[in-house]
Amino acid sequence: MRGESGIAFSMPGGDVSGTRQSRPVDLAHLARQTMGDRALEQEVLALFVQQALSVRDKIVDADIKDRLLLAHGLKGSARGVGAFAIADCATDIERRPEDVQRS
């Protein structure tokens, strides 16, 4: 039944099924984190977007130490709001901080 409904279920170890792969942000996870407070959801998402844009602008030119710090902070924030794909990307950067792709 994975992915058949719009509901995401927490799995042991923090994994999420259902909407995790189908949406950029797992809104069910975010609602749990904010106890269903829609105004708080909007505020938290706005702060996350600001952080993500700031990290995007800094991470490519950062030295390895700063790149690790930026990726780690983004990973935690992304997991907090339910942006698991972004958290996975940040984890990849933490694992290979010297691998920089410039566009």
N, C-alpha and C. Protein backbone atom coordinates (compact mmCIF):
# COMPACT_ATOMS: atom_id res chain seq x y z
N MET A 1 0.81 -1.20 0.00
CA MET A 1 0.00 0.00 0.00
C MET A 1 0.85 1.25 0.00
N ARG A 2 2.12 1.10 -0.09
CA ARG A 2 3.03 2.24 -0.05
C ARG A 2 2.71 3.21 -1.18
N GLY A 3 2.48 4.47 -0.80
CA GLY A 3 2.28 5.51 -1.78
C GLY A 3 0.87 5.58 -2.36
N GLU A 4 -0.05 4.73 -1.89
CA GLU A 4 -1.39 4.74 -2.46
C GLU A 4 -2.27 5.83 -1.87
N SER A 5 -1.99 6.26 -0.67
CA SER A 5 -2.81 7.30 -0.06
C SER A 5 -1.98 8.56 0.12
N GLY A 6 -2.63 9.63 0.51
CA GLY A 6 -1.94 10.88 0.74
C GLY A 6 -1.39 11.00 2.13
N ILE A 7 -1.36 9.92 2.87
CA ILE A 7 -0.93 9.94 4.26
C ILE A 7 0.48 9.36 4.35
N ALA A 8 1.30 9.97 5.16
CA ALA A 8 2.65 9.44 5.40
C ALA A 8 2.68 8.85 6.80
N PHE A 9 3.33 7.70 6.93
CA PHE A 9 3.43 7.04 8.22
C PHE A 9 4.88 6.98 8.64
N SER A 10 5.13 7.30 9.91
CA SER A 10 6.49 7.21 10.43
C SER A 10 6.87 5.76 10.58
N MET A 11 8.09 5.45 10.21
CA MET A 11 8.62 4.11 10.32
C MET A 11 9.70 4.13 11.40
N PRO A 12 10.00 2.99 12.00
CA PRO A 12 11.10 2.95 12.96
C PRO A 12 12.37 3.49 12.33
N GLY A 13 13.09 4.29 13.07
CA GLY A 13 14.32 4.86 12.56
C GLY A 13 14.13 6.17 11.83
N GLY A 14 12.89 6.67 11.79
CA GLY A 14 12.65 7.97 11.20
C GLY A 14 12.30 7.96 9.73
N ASP A 15 12.26 6.79 9.09
CA ASP A 15 11.89 6.75 7.68
C ASP A 15 10.40 7.03 7.55
N VAL A 16 10.01 7.53 6.42
CA VAL A 16 8.61 7.86 6.18
C VAL A 16 8.18 7.21 4.89
N SER A 17 7.00 6.63 4.88
CA SER A 17 6.48 6.05 3.64
C SER A 17 5.29 6.88 3.19
N GLY A 18 4.77 6.58 2.03
CA GLY A 18 3.61 7.30 1.54
C GLY A 18 4.04 8.49 0.71
N THR A 19 3.89 9.68 1.25
CA THR A 19 4.12 10.89 0.47
C THR A 19 5.59 11.29 0.38
N ARG A 20 6.47 10.60 1.04
CA ARG A 20 7.88 11.00 1.04
C ARG A 20 8.44 11.18 -0.36
N GLN A 21 8.17 10.25 -1.24
CA GLN A 21 8.75 10.31 -2.58
C GLN A 21 7.91 11.13 -3.55
N SER A 22 6.68 11.43 -3.20
CA SER A 22 5.80 12.08 -4.16
C SER A 22 5.70 13.59 -4.00
N ARG A 23 6.14 14.14 -2.90
CA ARG A 23 6.05 15.58 -2.67
C ARG A 23 7.38 16.11 -2.15
N PRO A 24 7.69 17.37 -2.47
CA PRO A 24 8.95 17.93 -1.96
C PRO A 24 8.98 18.03 -0.44
N VAL A 25 7.81 18.26 0.17
CA VAL A 25 7.71 18.35 1.62
C VAL A 25 6.60 17.40 2.06
N ASP A 26 6.90 16.56 3.02
CA ASP A 26 5.91 15.65 3.59
C ASP A 26 5.04 16.49 4.53
N LEU A 27 3.87 16.89 4.05
CA LEU A 27 3.01 17.79 4.81
C LEU A 27 2.44 17.13 6.06
N ALA A 28 2.26 15.82 6.04
CA ALA A 28 1.80 15.13 7.24
C ALA A 28 2.87 15.20 8.33
N HIS A 29 4.13 15.02 7.94
CA HIS A 29 5.24 15.13 8.89
C HIS A 29 5.31 16.55 9.46
N LEU A 30 5.20 17.54 8.58
CA LEU A 30 5.24 18.94 9.02
C LEU A 30 4.10 19.23 9.98
N ALA A 31 2.91 18.72 9.69
CA ALA A 31 1.76 18.94 10.58
C ALA A 31 2.01 18.33 11.96
N ARG A 32 2.64 17.15 11.99
CA ARG A 32 2.97 16.55 13.29
C ARG A 32 3.97 17.40 14.04
N GLN A 33 4.96 17.92 13.33
CA GLN A 33 5.99 18.74 13.97
C GLN A 33 5.43 20.04 14.54
N THR A 34 4.40 20.58 13.90
CA THR A 34 3.82 21.86 14.31
C THR A 34 2.51 21.68 15.07
N MET A 35 2.19 20.44 15.40
CA MET A 35 0.95 20.10 16.11
C MET A 35 -0.28 20.64 15.39
N GLY A 36 -0.23 20.63 14.07
CA GLY A 36 -1.38 21.03 13.26
C GLY A 36 -1.61 22.53 13.15
N ASP A 37 -0.71 23.33 13.65
CA ASP A 37 -0.85 24.79 13.60
C ASP A 37 -0.44 25.28 12.21
N ARG A 38 -1.43 25.61 11.38
CA ARG A 38 -1.16 25.99 9.98
C ARG A 38 -0.30 27.25 9.88
N ALA A 39 -0.54 28.22 10.75
CA ALA A 39 0.27 29.44 10.71
C ALA A 39 1.73 29.12 11.03
N LEU A 40 1.93 28.24 11.99
CA LEU A 40 3.29 27.84 12.33
C LEU A 40 3.93 27.06 11.18
N GLU A 41 3.15 26.21 10.51
CA GLU A 41 3.67 25.50 9.34
C GLU A 41 4.19 26.48 8.29
N GLN A 42 3.41 27.51 8.00
CA GLN A 42 3.82 28.50 7.00
C GLN A 42 5.08 29.23 7.44
N GLU A 43 5.14 29.59 8.71
CA GLU A 43 6.31 30.30 9.22
C GLU A 43 7.56 29.43 9.15
N VAL A 44 7.42 28.18 9.56
CA VAL A 44 8.55 27.24 9.55
C VAL A 44 9.03 27.01 8.11
N LEU A 45 8.08 26.82 7.19
CA LEU A 45 8.47 26.61 5.79
C LEU A 45 9.16 27.84 5.21
N ALA A 46 8.67 29.03 5.54
CA ALA A 46 9.30 30.26 5.05
C ALA A 46 10.73 30.37 5.57
N LEU A 47 10.94 30.04 6.83
CA LEU A 47 12.30 30.07 7.40
C LEU A 47 13.19 29.03 6.73
N PHE A 48 12.63 27.85 6.46
CA PHE A 48 13.40 26.81 5.79
C PHE A 48 13.80 27.25 4.39
N VAL A 49 12.89 27.85 3.66
CA VAL A 49 13.21 28.33 2.31
C VAL A 49 14.34 29.35 2.36
N GLN A 50 14.27 30.28 3.31
CA GLN A 50 15.34 31.28 3.46
C GLN A 50 16.68 30.60 3.73
N GLN A 51 16.67 29.62 4.64
CA GLN A 51 17.91 28.92 4.96
C GLN A 51 18.43 28.16 3.74
N ALA A 52 17.55 27.46 3.05
CA ALA A 52 17.96 26.66 1.89
C ALA A 52 18.57 27.55 0.81
N LEU A 53 17.97 28.70 0.56
CA LEU A 53 18.51 29.62 -0.44
C LEU A 53 19.87 30.17 -0.01
N SER A 54 20.00 30.47 1.27
CA SER A 54 21.27 30.97 1.79
C SER A 54 22.36 29.91 1.65
N VAL A 55 22.04 28.68 2.01
CA VAL A 55 23.01 27.58 1.89
C VAL A 55 23.39 27.38 0.43
N ARG A 56 22.39 27.39 -0.45
CA ARG A 56 22.66 27.21 -1.88
C ARG A 56 23.66 28.25 -2.38
N ASP A 57 23.52 29.48 -1.93
CA ASP A 57 24.40 30.55 -2.39
C ASP A 57 25.81 30.45 -1.83
N LYS A 58 25.98 29.78 -0.69
CA LYS A 58 27.28 29.74 -0.01
C LYS A 58 28.05 28.44 -0.19
N ILE A 59 27.35 27.34 -0.36
CA ILE A 59 27.98 26.02 -0.20
C ILE A 59 29.03 25.70 -1.26
N VAL A 60 28.83 26.12 -2.49
CA VAL A 60 29.77 25.77 -3.56
C VAL A 60 31.13 26.42 -3.34
N ASP A 61 31.14 27.66 -2.90
CA ASP A 61 32.39 28.39 -2.71
C ASP A 61 32.99 28.23 -1.31
N ALA A 62 32.30 27.51 -0.43
CA ALA A 62 32.77 27.35 0.94
C ALA A 62 33.93 26.37 0.99
N ASP A 63 34.81 26.56 2.01
CA ASP A 63 35.85 25.56 2.21
C ASP A 63 35.20 24.30 2.79
N ILE A 64 35.96 23.24 2.88
CA ILE A 64 35.38 21.95 3.28
C ILE A 64 34.75 22.02 4.66
N LYS A 65 35.40 22.67 5.61
CA LYS A 65 34.85 22.77 6.97
C LYS A 65 33.50 23.48 6.95
N ASP A 66 33.44 24.62 6.28
CA ASP A 66 32.18 25.37 6.21
C ASP A 66 31.12 24.62 5.41
N ARG A 67 31.55 23.92 4.36
CA ARG A 67 30.60 23.13 3.57
C ARG A 67 29.96 22.05 4.44
N LEU A 68 30.75 21.41 5.28
CA LEU A 68 30.21 20.40 6.20
C LEU A 68 29.20 21.01 7.16
N LEU A 69 29.53 22.17 7.71
CA LEU A 69 28.61 22.84 8.64
C LEU A 69 27.32 23.25 7.95
N LEU A 70 27.43 23.81 6.75
CA LEU A 70 26.24 24.21 6.01
C LEU A 70 25.37 23.01 5.67
N ALA A 71 25.98 21.94 5.20
CA ALA A 71 25.23 20.74 4.83
C ALA A 71 24.55 20.12 6.05
N HIS A 72 25.27 20.08 7.17
CA HIS A 72 24.71 19.49 8.38
C HIS A 72 23.50 20.28 8.88
N GLY A 73 23.62 21.59 8.89
CA GLY A 73 22.50 22.43 9.32
C GLY A 73 21.29 22.28 8.41
N LEU A 74 21.55 22.25 7.11
CA LEU A 74 20.47 22.08 6.15
C LEU A 74 19.81 20.72 6.31
N LYS A 75 20.60 19.69 6.54
CA LYS A 75 20.06 18.34 6.72
C LYS A 75 19.08 18.30 7.89
N GLY A 76 19.46 18.87 9.01
CA GLY A 76 18.58 18.88 10.17
C GLY A 76 17.30 19.66 9.94
N SER A 77 17.44 20.82 9.34
CA SER A 77 16.26 21.63 9.05
C SER A 77 15.34 20.94 8.06
N ALA A 78 15.92 20.34 7.04
CA ALA A 78 15.12 19.66 6.02
C ALA A 78 14.35 18.49 6.63
N ARG A 79 15.01 17.73 7.47
CA ARG A 79 14.31 16.63 8.14
C ARG A 79 13.19 17.15 9.03
N GLY A 80 13.44 18.26 9.69
CA GLY A 80 12.44 18.84 10.57
C GLY A 80 11.15 19.23 9.87
N VAL A 81 11.28 19.75 8.65
CA VAL A 81 10.08 20.18 7.92
C VAL A 81 9.52 19.08 7.02
N GLY A 82 10.25 17.99 6.87
CA GLY A 82 9.77 16.91 6.01
C GLY A 82 10.27 17.00 4.58
N ALA A 83 11.33 17.75 4.35
CA ALA A 83 11.93 17.84 3.00
C ALA A 83 13.05 16.79 2.92
N PHE A 84 12.64 15.54 2.87
CA PHE A 84 13.58 14.43 3.01
C PHE A 84 14.55 14.30 1.83
N ALA A 85 14.13 14.65 0.64
CA ALA A 85 15.04 14.59 -0.51
C ALA A 85 16.18 15.59 -0.35
N ILE A 86 15.88 16.76 0.18
CA ILE A 86 16.92 17.76 0.43
C ILE A 86 17.84 17.27 1.54
N ALA A 87 17.27 16.66 2.57
CA ALA A 87 18.09 16.10 3.65
C ALA A 87 19.03 15.03 3.10
N ASP A 88 18.54 14.21 2.17
CA ASP A 88 19.39 13.18 1.56
C ASP A 88 20.53 13.81 0.76
N CYS A 89 20.25 14.89 0.05
CA CYS A 89 21.30 15.59 -0.71
C CYS A 89 22.34 16.17 0.24
N ALA A 90 21.88 16.76 1.34
CA ALA A 90 22.80 17.32 2.32
C ALA A 90 23.67 16.22 2.94
N THR A 91 23.09 15.05 3.16
CA THR A 91 23.85 13.91 3.67
C THR A 91 24.94 13.51 2.68
N ASP A 92 24.61 13.51 1.40
CA ASP A 92 25.61 13.20 0.37
C ASP A 92 26.76 14.20 0.41
N ILE A 93 26.45 15.47 0.61
CA ILE A 93 27.49 16.50 0.70
C ILE A 93 28.35 16.26 1.93
N GLU A 94 27.73 15.89 3.05
CA GLU A 94 28.51 15.59 4.26
C GLU A 94 29.47 14.42 4.02
N ARG A 95 29.04 13.45 3.25
CA ARG A 95 29.88 12.28 2.99
C ARG A 95 31.03 12.59 2.03
N ARG A 96 30.80 13.53 1.11
CA ARG A 96 31.82 13.88 0.11
C ARG A 96 31.93 15.40 -0.01
N PRO A 97 32.39 16.08 1.03
CA PRO A 97 32.41 17.54 0.99
C PRO A 97 33.37 18.12 -0.04
N GLU A 98 34.34 17.32 -0.47
CA GLU A 98 35.32 17.83 -1.44
C GLU A 98 34.78 17.76 -2.87
N ASP A 99 33.67 17.08 -3.08
CA ASP A 99 33.09 16.90 -4.42
C ASP A 99 32.16 18.08 -4.73
N VAL A 100 32.70 19.09 -5.39
CA VAL A 100 31.93 20.31 -5.69
C VAL A 100 31.56 20.33 -7.16
N GLN A 101 30.28 20.61 -7.42
CA GLN A 101 29.82 20.76 -8.80
C GLN A 101 29.42 22.21 -9.01
N ARG A 102 30.09 22.87 -9.91
CA ARG A 102 29.75 24.26 -10.22
C ARG A 102 28.98 24.28 -11.52
N SER A 103 27.94 25.14 -11.55
CA SER A 103 27.16 25.22 -12.79
C SER A 103 27.46 26.47 -13.56
